[in-house]
Amino acid sequence: MSARENESSPFPSAPFDDLDLDQSEDENEWERRVMALAAARISAERSRLERLGIIDTDGNLVSRELPPDMLPDSDTTLETG
């Protein structure tokens, strides 16, 4: 699905079908779009990791401990069937 087809996306798009990448100003515009897209995705992911309590506001891991269901003595299993 192209970025233009997904209008509900919270991220900016980085289409290039309206650009002539042989022209330096259009190439610069496309790079600007890609960098804006990358910055938005990085920001959204960082916010998500903060909300989940995985990182703090400085980007540091909150804990290095495994969750209880991943500990060796856990009763959970990998078998699903």
C-alpha atoms as a PDB file:
ATOM      1  CA  MET A   1       0.000   0.000   0.000  1.00  0.00           C
ATOM      2  CA  SER A   2       1.426   3.367  -0.913  1.00  0.00           C
ATOM      3  CA  ALA A   3       1.702   6.178   1.598  1.00  0.00           C
ATOM      4  CA  ARG A   4      -0.946   8.120  -0.308  1.00  0.00           C
ATOM      5  CA  GLU A   5      -3.421   5.245  -0.109  1.00  0.00           C
ATOM      6  CA  ASN A   6      -3.084   5.111   3.670  1.00  0.00           C
ATOM      7  CA  GLU A   7      -4.420   8.540   4.577  1.00  0.00           C
ATOM      8  CA  SER A   8      -5.084   7.451   8.189  1.00  0.00           C
ATOM      9  CA  SER A   9      -1.384   6.958   8.895  1.00  0.00           C
ATOM     10  CA  PRO A  10      -0.016   9.267  11.597  1.00  0.00           C
ATOM     11  CA  PHE A  11       3.275   9.422   9.701  1.00  0.00           C
ATOM     12  CA  PRO A  12       4.208  11.818   6.931  1.00  0.00           C
ATOM     13  CA  SER A  13       4.682  10.219   3.547  1.00  0.00           C
ATOM     14  CA  ALA A  14       7.774  10.108   1.373  1.00  0.00           C
ATOM     15  CA  PRO A  15       6.437   9.612  -2.146  1.00  0.00           C
ATOM     16  CA  PHE A  16       8.655  10.455  -5.065  1.00  0.00           C
ATOM     17  CA  ASP A  17       6.308   9.988  -8.008  1.00  0.00           C
ATOM     18  CA  ASP A  18       5.904  13.769  -8.249  1.00  0.00           C
ATOM     19  CA  LEU A  19       9.679  14.353  -8.289  1.00  0.00           C
ATOM     20  CA  ASP A  20      12.378  14.141 -10.924  1.00  0.00           C
ATOM     21  CA  LEU A  21      15.260  12.607  -8.976  1.00  0.00           C
ATOM     22  CA  ASP A  22      17.713  13.653 -11.702  1.00  0.00           C
ATOM     23  CA  GLN A  23      17.244  17.238 -10.505  1.00  0.00           C
ATOM     24  CA  SER A  24      19.140  18.100  -7.321  1.00  0.00           C
ATOM     25  CA  GLU A  25      16.309  20.177  -5.828  1.00  0.00           C
ATOM     26  CA  ASP A  26      13.861  17.287  -6.255  1.00  0.00           C
ATOM     27  CA  GLU A  27      16.397  14.843  -4.830  1.00  0.00           C
ATOM     28  CA  ASN A  28      16.814  17.167  -1.828  1.00  0.00           C
ATOM     29  CA  GLU A  29      13.034  17.332  -1.402  1.00  0.00           C
ATOM     30  CA  TRP A  30      12.746  13.544  -1.443  1.00  0.00           C
ATOM     31  CA  GLU A  31      15.532  13.251   1.140  1.00  0.00           C
ATOM     32  CA  ARG A  32      13.708  15.808   3.300  1.00  0.00           C
ATOM     33  CA  ARG A  33      10.521  13.698   3.077  1.00  0.00           C
ATOM     34  CA  VAL A  34      12.367  10.498   3.981  1.00  0.00           C
ATOM     35  CA  MET A  35      14.075  12.151   6.946  1.00  0.00           C
ATOM     36  CA  ALA A  36      10.739  13.566   8.177  1.00  0.00           C
ATOM     37  CA  LEU A  37       9.223  10.100   7.924  1.00  0.00           C
ATOM     38  CA  ALA A  38      12.141   8.558   9.828  1.00  0.00           C
ATOM     39  CA  ALA A  39      11.983  11.209  12.567  1.00  0.00           C
ATOM     40  CA  ALA A  40       8.234  10.693  13.027  1.00  0.00           C
ATOM     41  CA  ARG A  41       8.607   6.923  13.258  1.00  0.00           C
ATOM     42  CA  ILE A  42      11.505   7.146  15.711  1.00  0.00           C
ATOM     43  CA  SER A  43       9.559   9.577  17.893  1.00  0.00           C
ATOM     44  CA  ALA A  44       6.438   7.393  17.852  1.00  0.00           C
ATOM     45  CA  GLU A  45       8.414   4.271  18.743  1.00  0.00           C
ATOM     46  CA  ARG A  46      10.255   6.028  21.542  1.00  0.00           C
ATOM     47  CA  SER A  47       6.937   7.231  22.990  1.00  0.00           C
ATOM     48  CA  ARG A  48       5.532   3.702  22.756  1.00  0.00           C
ATOM     49  CA  LEU A  49       8.550   2.226  24.569  1.00  0.00           C
ATOM     50  CA  GLU A  50       8.230   4.887  27.292  1.00  0.00           C
ATOM     51  CA  ARG A  51       4.485   4.155  27.714  1.00  0.00           C
ATOM     52  CA  LEU A  52       5.267   0.447  28.041  1.00  0.00           C
ATOM     53  CA  GLY A  53       7.835   1.218  30.750  1.00  0.00           C
ATOM     54  CA  ILE A  54      10.679  -0.297  28.748  1.00  0.00           C
ATOM     55  CA  ILE A  55      12.752   2.902  28.593  1.00  0.00           C
ATOM     56  CA  ASP A  56      12.822   6.060  30.670  1.00  0.00           C
ATOM     57  CA  THR A  57      12.622   9.624  29.345  1.00  0.00           C
ATOM     58  CA  ASP A  58      16.383   9.571  28.666  1.00  0.00           C
ATOM     59  CA  GLY A  59      16.058   6.446  26.525  1.00  0.00           C
ATOM     60  CA  ASN A  60      17.698   4.146  29.069  1.00  0.00           C
ATOM     61  CA  LEU A  61      16.366   0.665  29.769  1.00  0.00           C
ATOM     62  CA  VAL A  62      14.266   0.647  32.918  1.00  0.00           C
ATOM     63  CA  SER A  63      15.137  -2.951  33.781  1.00  0.00           C
ATOM     64  CA  ARG A  64      17.389  -5.664  32.475  1.00  0.00           C
ATOM     65  CA  GLU A  65      15.352  -8.413  34.164  1.00  0.00           C
ATOM     66  CA  LEU A  66      13.306 -10.848  32.125  1.00  0.00           C
ATOM     67  CA  PRO A  67       9.528 -10.740  32.507  1.00  0.00           C
ATOM     68  CA  PRO A  68       8.129 -13.495  34.778  1.00  0.00           C
ATOM     69  CA  ASP A  69       6.825 -15.597  31.884  1.00  0.00           C
ATOM     70  CA  MET A  70      10.340 -15.815  30.403  1.00  0.00           C
ATOM     71  CA  LEU A  71      12.133 -16.994  33.547  1.00  0.00           C
ATOM     72  CA  PRO A  72      13.421 -20.598  33.588  1.00  0.00           C
ATOM     73  CA  ASP A  73      11.001 -21.640  36.360  1.00  0.00           C
ATOM     74  CA  SER A  74       7.943 -20.195  34.594  1.00  0.00           C
ATOM     75  CA  ASP A  75       4.961 -22.483  33.979  1.00  0.00           C
ATOM     76  CA  THR A  76       4.419 -21.032  30.518  1.00  0.00           C
ATOM     77  CA  THR A  77       5.278 -23.064  27.451  1.00  0.00           C
ATOM     78  CA  LEU A  78       6.222 -22.501  23.845  1.00  0.00           C
ATOM     79  CA  GLU A  79       3.803 -25.194  22.705  1.00  0.00           C
ATOM     80  CA  THR A  80       0.586 -23.806  21.311  1.00  0.00           C
ATOM     81  CA  GLY A  81      -1.144 -26.981  20.226  1.00  0.00           C
END
